[in-house]
N, C-alpha and C. Protein backbone atom coordinates (compact mmCIF):
# COMPACT_ATOMS: atom_id res chain seq x y z
N UNK A 1 0.83 -1.18 0.00
CA UNK A 1 0.00 0.00 0.00
C UNK A 1 0.87 1.24 0.00
N UNK A 2 0.34 2.29 -0.48
CA UNK A 2 1.06 3.55 -0.60
C UNK A 2 0.54 4.51 0.45
N UNK A 3 1.44 5.19 1.16
CA UNK A 3 1.02 6.28 2.05
C UNK A 3 1.78 7.55 1.67
N UNK A 4 1.25 8.66 2.00
CA UNK A 4 1.88 9.92 1.61
C UNK A 4 2.68 10.54 2.75
N UNK A 5 3.08 9.73 3.69
CA UNK A 5 3.91 10.23 4.79
C UNK A 5 5.36 9.87 4.51
N UNK A 6 6.24 10.74 4.92
CA UNK A 6 7.66 10.45 4.75
C UNK A 6 8.38 10.74 6.08
N UNK A 7 9.50 10.15 6.24
CA UNK A 7 10.30 10.37 7.43
C UNK A 7 11.32 11.46 7.16
N UNK A 8 11.36 12.43 8.03
CA UNK A 8 12.30 13.54 7.89
C UNK A 8 13.22 13.52 9.09
N UNK A 9 14.50 13.47 8.83
CA UNK A 9 15.48 13.52 9.91
C UNK A 9 15.99 14.94 10.05
N UNK A 10 15.95 15.44 11.27
CA UNK A 10 16.43 16.79 11.52
C UNK A 10 17.76 16.71 12.23
N UNK A 11 18.68 17.50 11.77
CA UNK A 11 19.97 17.59 12.44
C UNK A 11 19.90 18.71 13.47
N UNK A 12 20.32 18.40 14.66
CA UNK A 12 20.37 19.42 15.71
C UNK A 12 21.80 19.89 15.81
N UNK A 13 21.99 21.16 15.55
CA UNK A 13 23.32 21.74 15.58
C UNK A 13 23.39 22.71 16.74
N UNK A 14 24.31 22.49 17.69
CA UNK A 14 24.42 23.44 18.80
C UNK A 14 24.89 24.80 18.30
N UNK A 15 24.30 25.83 18.83
CA UNK A 15 24.62 27.19 18.42
C UNK A 15 25.31 27.89 19.58
N UNK A 16 26.48 28.46 19.29
CA UNK A 16 27.17 29.23 20.31
C UNK A 16 26.60 30.64 20.32
N UNK A 17 26.21 31.08 21.47
CA UNK A 17 25.70 32.44 21.60
C UNK A 17 26.44 33.14 22.72
N UNK A 18 26.56 34.42 22.60
CA UNK A 18 27.24 35.18 23.63
C UNK A 18 26.38 35.24 24.88
N UNK A 19 27.03 35.20 26.02
CA UNK A 19 26.31 35.27 27.28
C UNK A 19 25.85 36.70 27.52
N UNK A 20 24.65 36.85 28.05
CA UNK A 20 24.13 38.17 28.38
C UNK A 20 24.43 38.49 29.83
N UNK A 21 24.25 39.74 30.20
CA UNK A 21 24.48 40.17 31.57
C UNK A 21 23.50 39.44 32.51
N UNK A 22 22.27 39.28 32.09
CA UNK A 22 21.28 38.57 32.91
C UNK A 22 21.67 37.13 33.18
N UNK A 23 22.17 36.44 32.16
CA UNK A 23 22.62 35.06 32.34
C UNK A 23 23.85 35.01 33.24
N UNK A 24 24.75 35.95 33.08
CA UNK A 24 25.94 36.01 33.93
C UNK A 24 25.55 36.18 35.39
N UNK A 25 24.57 37.05 35.66
CA UNK A 25 24.12 37.26 37.03
C UNK A 25 23.52 36.00 37.64
N UNK A 26 22.83 35.21 36.84
CA UNK A 26 22.24 33.97 37.34
C UNK A 26 23.30 32.90 37.62
N UNK A 27 24.34 32.84 36.79
CA UNK A 27 25.34 31.79 36.92
C UNK A 27 26.41 32.11 37.96
N UNK A 28 26.77 33.36 38.09
CA UNK A 28 27.87 33.75 38.98
C UNK A 28 27.33 34.66 40.07
N UNK A 29 26.84 34.05 41.13
CA UNK A 29 26.21 34.83 42.21
C UNK A 29 27.20 35.24 43.29
N UNK A 30 28.35 34.60 43.37
CA UNK A 30 29.36 34.93 44.38
C UNK A 30 30.65 35.37 43.70
N UNK A 31 31.31 36.36 44.28
CA UNK A 31 32.58 36.83 43.75
C UNK A 31 32.47 38.20 43.13
N UNK A 32 33.63 38.74 42.76
CA UNK A 32 33.71 40.06 42.15
C UNK A 32 34.23 39.91 40.72
N UNK A 33 33.52 40.51 39.78
CA UNK A 33 33.86 40.39 38.36
C UNK A 33 33.82 41.75 37.69
N UNK A 34 34.76 41.96 36.78
CA UNK A 34 34.74 43.14 35.91
C UNK A 34 34.18 42.66 34.58
N UNK A 35 33.11 43.31 34.13
CA UNK A 35 32.39 42.91 32.92
C UNK A 35 32.59 43.96 31.84
N UNK A 36 32.90 43.49 30.64
CA UNK A 36 32.99 44.40 29.50
C UNK A 36 31.87 44.06 28.53
N UNK A 37 31.04 45.08 28.26
CA UNK A 37 30.05 44.97 27.20
C UNK A 37 30.47 45.94 26.11
N UNK A 38 29.67 46.17 25.13
CA UNK A 38 30.03 47.00 23.98
C UNK A 38 30.49 48.39 24.43
N UNK A 39 31.81 48.63 24.36
CA UNK A 39 32.43 49.92 24.65
C UNK A 39 32.13 50.44 26.05
N UNK A 40 31.97 49.54 27.03
CA UNK A 40 31.65 49.97 28.39
C UNK A 40 32.06 48.86 29.35
N UNK A 41 32.42 49.25 30.58
CA UNK A 41 32.78 48.27 31.60
C UNK A 41 32.09 48.63 32.91
N UNK A 42 31.81 47.60 33.71
CA UNK A 42 31.26 47.79 35.04
C UNK A 42 31.61 46.58 35.90
N UNK A 43 31.22 46.61 37.17
CA UNK A 43 31.57 45.56 38.12
C UNK A 43 30.32 44.85 38.61
N UNK A 44 30.45 43.55 38.82
CA UNK A 44 29.41 42.76 39.48
C UNK A 44 30.06 42.15 40.71
N UNK A 45 29.50 42.44 41.88
CA UNK A 45 30.03 41.89 43.13
C UNK A 45 28.90 41.19 43.88
N UNK A 46 29.05 39.89 44.06
CA UNK A 46 28.06 39.05 44.75
C UNK A 46 26.66 39.24 44.18
N UNK A 47 26.55 39.29 42.86
CA UNK A 47 25.27 39.38 42.19
C UNK A 47 24.67 40.77 42.10
N UNK A 48 25.41 41.80 42.52
CA UNK A 48 24.94 43.18 42.48
C UNK A 48 25.78 43.94 41.46
N UNK A 49 25.11 44.70 40.59
CA UNK A 49 25.80 45.47 39.55
C UNK A 49 26.21 46.82 40.11
N UNK A 50 27.50 47.14 39.99
CA UNK A 50 28.03 48.44 40.38
C UNK A 50 28.52 49.16 39.13
N UNK A 51 27.94 50.32 38.89
CA UNK A 51 28.30 51.10 37.70
C UNK A 51 27.25 52.17 37.50
N UNK A 52 27.00 52.52 36.25
CA UNK A 52 25.95 53.49 35.94
C UNK A 52 24.59 52.90 36.30
N UNK A 53 23.61 53.75 36.47
CA UNK A 53 22.28 53.27 36.86
C UNK A 53 21.65 52.38 35.80
N UNK A 54 21.96 52.62 34.54
CA UNK A 54 21.35 51.80 33.48
C UNK A 54 22.05 50.46 33.29
N UNK A 55 23.24 50.26 33.88
CA UNK A 55 23.95 48.99 33.75
C UNK A 55 23.14 47.84 34.33
N UNK A 56 22.45 48.06 35.43
CA UNK A 56 21.66 47.00 36.04
C UNK A 56 20.37 46.73 35.26
N UNK A 57 20.00 47.63 34.37
CA UNK A 57 18.78 47.43 33.57
C UNK A 57 19.07 46.82 32.21
N UNK A 58 20.31 46.82 31.79
CA UNK A 58 20.68 46.28 30.47
C UNK A 58 21.03 44.79 30.58
N UNK A 59 20.07 43.98 30.97
CA UNK A 59 20.31 42.57 31.18
C UNK A 59 20.47 41.78 29.89
N UNK A 60 20.07 42.35 28.77
CA UNK A 60 20.19 41.66 27.49
C UNK A 60 21.46 42.03 26.74
N UNK A 61 22.28 42.89 27.33
CA UNK A 61 23.55 43.26 26.70
C UNK A 61 24.48 42.05 26.71
N UNK A 62 25.22 41.87 25.64
CA UNK A 62 26.10 40.70 25.52
C UNK A 62 27.45 40.98 26.18
N UNK A 63 27.88 40.02 26.96
CA UNK A 63 29.16 40.12 27.65
C UNK A 63 30.27 39.79 26.65
N UNK A 64 31.21 40.71 26.48
CA UNK A 64 32.34 40.49 25.59
C UNK A 64 33.48 39.82 26.36
N UNK A 65 33.80 40.36 27.54
CA UNK A 65 34.82 39.78 28.40
C UNK A 65 34.36 39.87 29.85
N UNK A 66 34.83 38.94 30.66
CA UNK A 66 34.58 38.97 32.09
C UNK A 66 35.85 38.54 32.80
N UNK A 67 36.26 39.31 33.79
CA UNK A 67 37.45 39.00 34.56
C UNK A 67 37.06 38.84 36.02
N UNK A 68 37.56 37.79 36.66
CA UNK A 68 37.32 37.60 38.09
C UNK A 68 38.41 38.31 38.86
N UNK A 69 38.01 39.10 39.86
CA UNK A 69 38.95 39.83 40.71
C UNK A 69 39.10 39.06 42.01
N UNK A 70 40.35 38.75 42.34
CA UNK A 70 40.58 37.98 43.57
C UNK A 70 41.38 38.79 44.56
């Protein structure tokens, strides 16, 4: 018998994406970090953002570099 269904195989390809400030805050809750986003830097200490007032509101900004301060 003939059916009109076919099997389709989908390839799942992992996609590398830049981490956002919001994701960084969720993952790194302890410690002091210097964060660089697009042409700007600020500090995150124990999950609290220290910098300009809008730095804590830009949770979707992509983290370019992060340094842990010890």
